[in-house]
PDB file of N, CA and C in Angstrom:
ATOM      1  N   MET A   1       1.021  -1.311   0.009  1.00  0.00           N
ATOM      2  CA  MET A   1      -0.195  -0.193   0.025  1.00  0.00           C
ATOM      3  C   MET A   1       0.881   1.288  -0.006  1.00  0.00           C
ATOM      4  N   GLN A   2       0.491   2.143  -0.869  1.00  0.00           N
ATOM      5  CA  GLN A   2       1.570   3.314  -0.918  1.00  0.00           C
ATOM      6  C   GLN A   2       0.990   4.573   0.097  1.00  0.00           C
ATOM      7  N   GLU A   3       1.649   5.369   0.415  1.00  0.00           N
ATOM      8  CA  GLU A   3       1.608   6.235   1.280  1.00  0.00           C
ATOM      9  C   GLU A   3       0.219   7.220   1.229  1.00  0.00           C
ATOM     10  N   LYS A   4       0.249   7.386  -0.143  1.00  0.00           N
ATOM     11  CA  LYS A   4      -1.191   8.048  -0.670  1.00  0.00           C
ATOM     12  C   LYS A   4      -2.430   7.738  -0.223  1.00  0.00           C
ATOM     13  N   ASP A   5      -2.212   6.147  -0.441  1.00  0.00           N
ATOM     14  CA  ASP A   5      -3.424   5.438  -0.091  1.00  0.00           C
ATOM     15  C   ASP A   5      -3.629   5.301   1.512  1.00  0.00           C
ATOM     16  N   MET A   6      -2.606   5.379   2.180  1.00  0.00           N
ATOM     17  CA  MET A   6      -2.774   5.110   3.736  1.00  0.00           C
ATOM     18  C   MET A   6      -3.258   6.571   4.235  1.00  0.00           C
ATOM     19  N   VAL A   7      -2.748   7.613   3.752  1.00  0.00           N
ATOM     20  CA  VAL A   7      -3.191   8.869   4.191  1.00  0.00           C
ATOM     21  C   VAL A   7      -4.801   9.245   3.696  1.00  0.00           C
ATOM     22  N   ASN A   8      -5.131   8.776   2.867  1.00  0.00           N
ATOM     23  CA  ASN A   8      -6.480   8.766   2.448  1.00  0.00           C
ATOM     24  C   ASN A   8      -7.534   7.985   3.196  1.00  0.00           C
ATOM     25  N   ASP A   9      -6.924   6.757   3.585  1.00  0.00           N
ATOM     26  CA  ASP A   9      -7.823   5.664   4.370  1.00  0.00           C
ATOM     27  C   ASP A   9      -7.735   6.661   5.814  1.00  0.00           C
ATOM     28  N   VAL A  10      -6.716   7.235   6.349  1.00  0.00           N
ATOM     29  CA  VAL A  10      -6.676   7.854   7.587  1.00  0.00           C
ATOM     30  C   VAL A  10      -7.700   8.859   7.618  1.00  0.00           C
ATOM     31  N   LEU A  11      -7.567   9.840   6.564  1.00  0.00           N
ATOM     32  CA  LEU A  11      -8.633  10.998   6.581  1.00  0.00           C
ATOM     33  C   LEU A  11     -10.045  10.365   6.309  1.00  0.00           C
ATOM     34  N   SER A  12     -10.049   9.451   5.748  1.00  0.00           N
ATOM     35  CA  SER A  12     -11.646   8.746   5.757  1.00  0.00           C
ATOM     36  C   SER A  12     -11.891   8.472   6.960  1.00  0.00           C
ATOM     37  N   MET A  13     -11.153   7.400   7.549  1.00  0.00           N
ATOM     38  CA  MET A  13     -11.641   7.337   9.134  1.00  0.00           C
ATOM     39  C   MET A  13     -11.843   8.225  10.060  1.00  0.00           C
ATOM     40  N   ILE A  14     -11.174   9.324  10.048  1.00  0.00           N
ATOM     41  CA  ILE A  14     -11.058  10.424  11.076  1.00  0.00           C
ATOM     42  C   ILE A  14     -12.657  11.277  10.513  1.00  0.00           C
ATOM     43  N   ASN A  15     -12.642  11.497   9.184  1.00  0.00           N
ATOM     44  CA  ASN A  15     -14.151  11.879   8.828  1.00  0.00           C
ATOM     45  C   ASN A  15     -15.130  11.326   9.452  1.00  0.00           C
ATOM     46  N   SER A  16     -14.976   9.863   9.392  1.00  0.00           N
ATOM     47  CA  SER A  16     -16.177   9.306   9.854  1.00  0.00           C
ATOM     48  C   SER A  16     -16.365   9.439  11.463  1.00  0.00           C
ATOM     49  N   SER A  17     -15.271   9.065  12.074  1.00  0.00           N
ATOM     50  CA  SER A  17     -15.289   9.552  13.642  1.00  0.00           C
ATOM     51  C   SER A  17     -15.965  10.987  13.812  1.00  0.00           C
ATOM     52  N   LEU A  18     -15.543  11.760  12.853  1.00  0.00           N
ATOM     53  CA  LEU A  18     -16.113  13.189  13.454  1.00  0.00           C
ATOM     54  C   LEU A  18     -17.408  13.138  13.425  1.00  0.00           C
ATOM     55  N   THR A  19     -18.198  12.464  12.240  1.00  0.00           N
ATOM     56  CA  THR A  19     -19.490  12.484  12.124  1.00  0.00           C
ATOM     57  C   THR A  19     -20.207  11.564  13.158  1.00  0.00           C
ATOM     58  N   GLY A  20     -19.613  10.651  13.834  1.00  0.00           N
ATOM     59  CA  GLY A  20     -20.237   9.926  14.908  1.00  0.00           C
ATOM     60  C   GLY A  20     -19.997  10.774  16.395  1.00  0.00           C
ATOM     61  N   TYR A  21     -18.927  11.692  16.327  1.00  0.00           N
ATOM     62  CA  TYR A  21     -18.812  12.389  17.706  1.00  0.00           C
ATOM     63  C   TYR A  21     -19.969  13.457  17.442  1.00  0.00           C
ATOM     64  N   ALA A  22     -20.447  14.063  16.118  1.00  0.00           N
ATOM     65  CA  ALA A  22     -21.466  15.051  16.061  1.00  0.00           C
ATOM     66  C   ALA A  22     -22.703  14.599  16.714  1.00  0.00           C
ATOM     67  N   ASN A  23     -22.803  13.134  16.411  1.00  0.00           N
ATOM     68  CA  ASN A  23     -24.349  12.293  16.539  1.00  0.00           C
ATOM     69  C   ASN A  23     -24.204  12.132  18.358  1.00  0.00           C
ATOM     70  N   VAL A  24     -23.369  11.630  18.851  1.00  0.00           N
ATOM     71  CA  VAL A  24     -23.273  11.414  20.463  1.00  0.00           C
ATOM     72  C   VAL A  24     -23.439  12.738  20.860  1.00  0.00           C
ATOM     73  N   ILE A  25     -22.560  13.609  20.676  1.00  0.00           N
ATOM     74  CA  ILE A  25     -22.664  14.932  21.196  1.00  0.00           C
ATOM     75  C   ILE A  25     -23.987  15.803  21.341  1.00  0.00           C
ATOM     76  N   SER A  26     -24.792  15.481  20.407  1.00  0.00           N
ATOM     77  CA  SER A  26     -25.915  16.016  20.308  1.00  0.00           C
ATOM     78  C   SER A  26     -27.044  15.643  21.104  1.00  0.00           C
ATOM     79  N   GLN A  27     -26.686  14.111  21.543  1.00  0.00           N
ATOM     80  CA  GLN A  27     -27.460  13.521  22.381  1.00  0.00           C
ATOM     81  C   GLN A  27     -27.043  13.184  23.777  1.00  0.00           C
ATOM     82  N   ALA A  28     -25.681  13.815  23.916  1.00  0.00           N
ATOM     83  CA  ALA A  28     -25.348  13.754  25.401  1.00  0.00           C
ATOM     84  C   ALA A  28     -26.077  14.510  25.967  1.00  0.00           C
ATOM     85  N   SER A  29     -26.582  13.873  27.685  1.00  0.00           N
ATOM     86  CA  SER A  29     -27.232  14.979  28.436  1.00  0.00           C
ATOM     87  C   SER A  29     -26.510  15.384  29.651  1.00  0.00           C
ATOM     88  N   ASN A  30     -25.319  14.465  29.744  1.00  0.00           N
ATOM     89  CA  ASN A  30     -24.274  14.807  30.944  1.00  0.00           C
ATOM     90  C   ASN A  30     -23.461  15.742  30.474  1.00  0.00           C
ATOM     91  N   MET A  31     -23.326  16.772  31.122  1.00  0.00           N
ATOM     92  CA  MET A  31     -22.640  17.959  30.497  1.00  0.00           C
ATOM     93  C   MET A  31     -20.935  17.536  30.506  1.00  0.00           C
ATOM     94  N   GLN A  32     -20.494  16.845  31.776  1.00  0.00           N
ATOM     95  CA  GLN A  32     -19.166  16.689  31.769  1.00  0.00           C
ATOM     96  C   GLN A  32     -18.798  15.788  30.623  1.00  0.00           C
ATOM     97  N   LEU A  33     -19.673  14.615  30.137  1.00  0.00           N
ATOM     98  CA  LEU A  33     -19.342  13.710  29.171  1.00  0.00           C
ATOM     99  C   LEU A  33     -19.115  14.539  27.802  1.00  0.00           C
ATOM    100  N   ARG A  34     -20.391  15.397  27.691  1.00  0.00           N
ATOM    101  CA  ARG A  34     -20.422  16.178  26.532  1.00  0.00           C
ATOM    102  C   ARG A  34     -19.238  17.083  26.314  1.00  0.00           C
ATOM    103  N   GLN A  35     -18.599  17.641  27.471  1.00  0.00           N
ATOM    104  CA  GLN A  35     -17.743  18.276  27.300  1.00  0.00           C
ATOM    105  C   GLN A  35     -16.276  17.484  26.981  1.00  0.00           C
ATOM    106  N   GLU A  36     -16.206  16.554  27.221  1.00  0.00           N
ATOM    107  CA  GLU A  36     -14.904  15.686  27.117  1.00  0.00           C
ATOM    108  C   GLU A  36     -14.974  15.245  25.431  1.00  0.00           C
ATOM    109  N   LEU A  37     -16.337  14.689  25.182  1.00  0.00           N
ATOM    110  CA  LEU A  37     -16.702  14.406  23.659  1.00  0.00           C
ATOM    111  C   LEU A  37     -16.018  15.636  22.655  1.00  0.00           C
ATOM    112  N   ILE A  38     -16.476  16.823  22.982  1.00  0.00           N
ATOM    113  CA  ILE A  38     -16.335  18.278  22.149  1.00  0.00           C
ATOM    114  C   ILE A  38     -14.824  18.122  22.186  1.00  0.00           C
ATOM    115  N   GLN A  39     -13.993  17.939  23.480  1.00  0.00           N
ATOM    116  CA  GLN A  39     -12.623  18.306  23.260  1.00  0.00           C
ATOM    117  C   GLN A  39     -11.841  17.174  22.261  1.00  0.00           C
ATOM    118  N   ILE A  40     -12.226  15.826  22.405  1.00  0.00           N
ATOM    119  CA  ILE A  40     -11.857  14.872  21.716  1.00  0.00           C
ATOM    120  C   ILE A  40     -12.056  14.921  20.213  1.00  0.00           C
ATOM    121  N   ARG A  41     -13.231  15.635  20.007  1.00  0.00           N
ATOM    122  CA  ARG A  41     -13.644  15.777  18.804  1.00  0.00           C
ATOM    123  C   ARG A  41     -12.764  16.914  18.117  1.00  0.00           C
ATOM    124  N   ASN A  42     -12.406  18.142  18.706  1.00  0.00           N
ATOM    125  CA  ASN A  42     -11.875  19.166  18.517  1.00  0.00           C
ATOM    126  C   ASN A  42     -10.169  18.840  18.268  1.00  0.00           C
ATOM    127  N   ARG A  43      -9.695  17.800  19.268  1.00  0.00           N
ATOM    128  CA  ARG A  43      -8.341  17.135  18.713  1.00  0.00           C
ATOM    129  C   ARG A  43      -8.337  16.469  17.552  1.00  0.00           C
ATOM    130  N   ASP A  44      -9.228  15.671  17.228  1.00  0.00           N
ATOM    131  CA  ASP A  44      -9.552  14.910  15.807  1.00  0.00           C
ATOM    132  C   ASP A  44      -9.749  15.654  14.871  1.00  0.00           C
ATOM    133  N   GLU A  45     -10.490  17.062  14.760  1.00  0.00           N
ATOM    134  CA  GLU A  45     -10.450  18.016  13.655  1.00  0.00           C
ATOM    135  C   GLU A  45      -9.334  18.532  13.237  1.00  0.00           C
ATOM    136  N   GLN A  46      -8.566  18.688  14.532  1.00  0.00           N
ATOM    137  CA  GLN A  46      -6.825  19.395  14.108  1.00  0.00           C
ATOM    138  C   GLN A  46      -6.011  18.454  13.650  1.00  0.00           C
ATOM    139  N   SER A  47      -6.171  17.084  13.984  1.00  0.00           N
ATOM    140  CA  SER A  47      -5.364  16.216  13.391  1.00  0.00           C
ATOM    141  C   SER A  47      -5.749  16.073  11.993  1.00  0.00           C
ATOM    142  N   GLN A  48      -7.108  15.937  11.854  1.00  0.00           N
ATOM    143  CA  GLN A  48      -7.428  15.735  10.277  1.00  0.00           C
ATOM    144  C   GLN A  48      -7.204  17.092   9.272  1.00  0.00           C
ATOM    145  N   TYR A  49      -6.950  18.083  10.004  1.00  0.00           N
ATOM    146  CA  TYR A  49      -6.652  19.240   9.269  1.00  0.00           C
ATOM    147  C   TYR A  49      -5.093  19.175   8.836  1.00  0.00           C
ATOM    148  N   ASP A  50      -4.300  18.890   9.895  1.00  0.00           N
ATOM    149  CA  ASP A  50      -2.939  18.776   9.564  1.00  0.00           C
ATOM    150  C   ASP A  50      -2.763  17.551   8.733  1.00  0.00           C
ATOM    151  N   LEU A  51      -3.472  16.534   8.804  1.00  0.00           N
ATOM    152  CA  LEU A  51      -3.063  15.314   7.782  1.00  0.00           C
ATOM    153  C   LEU A  51      -3.256  15.865   6.393  1.00  0.00           C
ATOM    154  N   TYR A  52      -4.547  16.666   6.320  1.00  0.00           N
ATOM    155  CA  TYR A  52      -5.055  17.176   5.102  1.00  0.00           C
ATOM    156  C   TYR A  52      -4.009  18.260   4.522  1.00  0.00           C
ATOM    157  N   LYS A  53      -3.529  19.097   5.300  1.00  0.00           N
ATOM    158  CA  LYS A  53      -2.582  19.938   4.608  1.00  0.00           C
ATOM    159  C   LYS A  53      -1.156  19.326   4.269  1.00  0.00           C
ATOM    160  N   MET A  54      -0.880  18.248   4.913  1.00  0.00           N
ATOM    161  CA  MET A  54       0.266  17.226   4.772  1.00  0.00           C
ATOM    162  C   MET A  54       0.015  16.686   3.057  1.00  0.00           C
ATOM    163  N   ALA A  55      -1.244  16.283   2.991  1.00  0.00           N
ATOM    164  CA  ALA A  55      -1.536  15.446   1.808  1.00  0.00           C
ATOM    165  C   ALA A  55      -1.592  16.539   0.666  1.00  0.00           C
ATOM    166  N   GLU A  56      -2.179  17.694   1.023  1.00  0.00           N
ATOM    167  CA  GLU A  56      -2.284  18.650  -0.132  1.00  0.00           C
ATOM    168  C   GLU A  56      -0.580  19.077  -0.424  1.00  0.00           C
ATOM    169  N   GLN A  57       0.140  19.222   0.376  1.00  0.00           N
ATOM    170  CA  GLN A  57       1.448  19.750   0.214  1.00  0.00           C
ATOM    171  C   GLN A  57       2.415  18.534  -0.690  1.00  0.00           C
ATOM    172  N   LYS A  58       1.874  17.214  -0.233  1.00  0.00           N
ATOM    173  CA  LYS A  58       2.482  16.319  -1.279  1.00  0.00           C
ATOM    174  C   LYS A  58       1.885  16.062  -2.475  1.00  0.00           C
ATOM    175  N   GLY A  59       0.797  16.673  -2.879  1.00  0.00           N
ATOM    176  CA  GLY A  59      -0.090  16.453  -4.014  1.00  0.00           C
ATOM    177  C   GLY A  59      -0.915  15.330  -3.923  1.00  0.00           C
ATOM    178  N   TYR A  60      -1.274  14.753  -2.882  1.00  0.00           N
ATOM    179  CA  TYR A  60      -2.126  13.588  -2.810  1.00  0.00           C
ATOM    180  C   TYR A  60      -3.510  14.193  -2.738  1.00  0.00           C
ATOM    181  N   TYR A  61      -3.909  15.377  -2.479  1.00  0.00           N
ATOM    182  CA  TYR A  61      -5.244  15.888  -2.277  1.00  0.00           C
ATOM    183  C   TYR A  61      -4.985  17.376  -3.072  1.00  0.00           C
ATOM    184  N   LYS A  62      -6.183  17.546  -3.944  1.00  0.00           N
ATOM    185  CA  LYS A  62      -6.236  18.805  -4.561  1.00  0.00           C
ATOM    186  C   LYS A  62      -7.540  19.504  -4.128  1.00  0.00           C
ATOM    187  N   SER A  63      -7.290  20.581  -3.220  1.00  0.00           N
ATOM    188  CA  SER A  63      -8.706  21.071  -2.899  1.00  0.00           C
ATOM    189  C   SER A  63      -9.435  21.818  -3.878  1.00  0.00           C
ATOM    190  N   ALA A  64     -10.609  22.282  -3.551  1.00  0.00           N
ATOM    191  CA  ALA A  64     -11.725  22.882  -4.524  1.00  0.00           C
ATOM    192  C   ALA A  64     -11.141  24.179  -4.585  1.00  0.00           C
ATOM    193  N   HIS A  65     -11.576  25.165  -5.439  1.00  0.00           N
ATOM    194  CA  HIS A  65     -11.086  26.509  -5.788  1.00  0.00           C
ATOM    195  C   HIS A  65     -11.866  27.055  -4.536  1.00  0.00           C
ATOM    196  N   PRO A  66     -11.124  28.347  -4.112  1.00  0.00           N
ATOM    197  CA  PRO A  66     -11.824  29.082  -3.032  1.00  0.00           C
ATOM    198  C   PRO A  66     -13.476  29.504  -3.182  1.00  0.00           C
ATOM    199  N   ALA A  67     -14.126  29.264  -2.386  1.00  0.00           N
ATOM    200  CA  ALA A  67     -15.412  29.877  -2.863  1.00  0.00           C
ATOM    201  C   ALA A  67     -15.510  31.782  -2.662  1.00  0.00           C
ATOM    202  N   GLN A  68     -16.302  31.974  -3.465  1.00  0.00           N
ATOM    203  CA  GLN A  68     -16.211  33.443  -3.520  1.00  0.00           C
ATOM    204  C   GLN A  68     -17.306  34.258  -2.438  1.00  0.00           C
ATOM    205  N   GLN A  69     -16.890  35.347  -1.842  1.00  0.00           N
ATOM    206  CA  GLN A  69     -17.509  35.930  -0.851  1.00  0.00           C
ATOM    207  C   GLN A  69     -19.085  35.805  -1.099  1.00  0.00           C
ATOM    208  N   ASN A  70     -19.669  36.068  -2.281  1.00  0.00           N
ATOM    209  CA  ASN A  70     -21.141  36.109  -2.265  1.00  0.00           C
ATOM    210  C   ASN A  70     -21.636  34.519  -2.315  1.00  0.00           C
ATOM    211  N   GLU A  71     -20.833  33.691  -2.770  1.00  0.00           N
ATOM    212  CA  GLU A  71     -21.278  32.248  -2.485  1.00  0.00           C
ATOM    213  C   GLU A  71     -21.179  31.653  -1.277  1.00  0.00           C
ATOM    214  N   ILE A  72     -20.321  32.471  -0.237  1.00  0.00           N
ATOM    215  CA  ILE A  72     -20.241  31.959   1.266  1.00  0.00           C
ATOM    216  C   ILE A  72     -21.517  32.668   1.911  1.00  0.00           C
ATOM    217  N   GLN A  73     -21.753  33.829   1.296  1.00  0.00           N
ATOM    218  CA  GLN A  73     -22.967  34.491   2.027  1.00  0.00           C
ATOM    219  C   GLN A  73     -24.260  33.736   1.689  1.00  0.00           C
ATOM    220  N   GLN A  74     -24.179  33.234   0.531  1.00  0.00           N
ATOM    221  CA  GLN A  74     -25.632  32.667   0.302  1.00  0.00           C
ATOM    222  C   GLN A  74     -25.916  31.472   1.099  1.00  0.00           C
ATOM    223  N   VAL A  75     -24.814  30.702   1.139  1.00  0.00           N
ATOM    224  CA  VAL A  75     -24.723  29.301   1.936  1.00  0.00           C
ATOM    225  C   VAL A  75     -25.102  29.558   3.322  1.00  0.00           C
ATOM    226  N   LYS A  76     -24.263  30.742   4.041  1.00  0.00           N
ATOM    227  CA  LYS A  76     -24.621  31.290   5.191  1.00  0.00           C
ATOM    228  C   LYS A  76     -26.068  31.619   5.563  1.00  0.00           C
ATOM    229  N   SER A  77     -26.776  32.340   4.711  1.00  0.00           N
ATOM    230  CA  SER A  77     -27.952  32.554   4.436  1.00  0.00           C
ATOM    231  C   SER A  77     -29.085  31.574   4.829  1.00  0.00           C
ATOM    232  N   GLN A  78     -28.747  30.173   4.155  1.00  0.00           N
ATOM    233  CA  GLN A  78     -29.419  29.082   4.027  1.00  0.00           C
ATOM    234  C   GLN A  78     -29.343  28.745   5.226  1.00  0.00           C
ATOM    235  N   PHE A  79     -28.308  28.654   6.218  1.00  0.00           N
ATOM    236  CA  PHE A  79     -28.313  28.115   7.368  1.00  0.00           C
ATOM    237  C   PHE A  79     -28.644  29.009   8.674  1.00  0.00           C
ATOM    238  N   MET A  80     -28.998  30.275   8.454  1.00  0.00           N
ATOM    239  CA  MET A  80     -29.042  30.970   9.441  1.00  0.00           C
ATOM    240  C   MET A  80     -30.629  30.915  10.031  1.00  0.00           C
ATOM    241  N   THR A  81     -31.087  30.735  11.241  1.00  0.00           N
ATOM    242  CA  THR A  81     -32.270  30.626  11.646  1.00  0.00           C
ATOM    243  C   THR A  81     -32.653  31.985  12.291  1.00  0.00           C
ATOM    244  N   PRO A  82     -33.744  32.288  12.056  1.00  0.00           N
ATOM    245  CA  PRO A  82     -34.362  33.487  12.572  1.00  0.00           C
ATOM    246  C   PRO A  82     -34.463  33.301  14.330  1.00  0.00           C
ATOM    247  N   ASN A  83     -34.149  34.495  15.037  1.00  0.00           N
ATOM    248  CA  ASN A  83     -34.062  34.412  16.489  1.00  0.00           C
ATOM    249  C   ASN A  83     -35.448  34.026  16.810  1.00  0.00           C
ATOM    250  N   MET A  84     -35.301  33.305  17.931  1.00  0.00           N
ATOM    251  CA  MET A  84     -36.872  32.817  18.393  1.00  0.00           C
ATOM    252  C   MET A  84     -37.099  33.733  19.551  1.00  0.00           C
ATOM    253  N   PRO A  85     -38.403  33.860  19.707  1.00  0.00           N
ATOM    254  CA  PRO A  85     -38.717  34.724  20.520  1.00  0.00           C
ATOM    255  C   PRO A  85     -38.556  34.723  22.060  1.00  0.00           C
TER     256      PRO A  85
END
């Protein structure tokens, strides 16, 4: 197995873990457990980003073109919820 394949596999595993953390965190009622899971998720997100940057530098991954400001604003407005009374 080549390094590129291993990096992609690890990135895929971390991404799956991050999805799992989001599901568990949203359902955790114990605040101490919730905070611990958030910290673990944050560390995994940082590891994922560091590995992604390394893969990008080595040419294993080519990111999409940066979004234009108007595209960012459009997506942001779709996810904004009105203030609840």
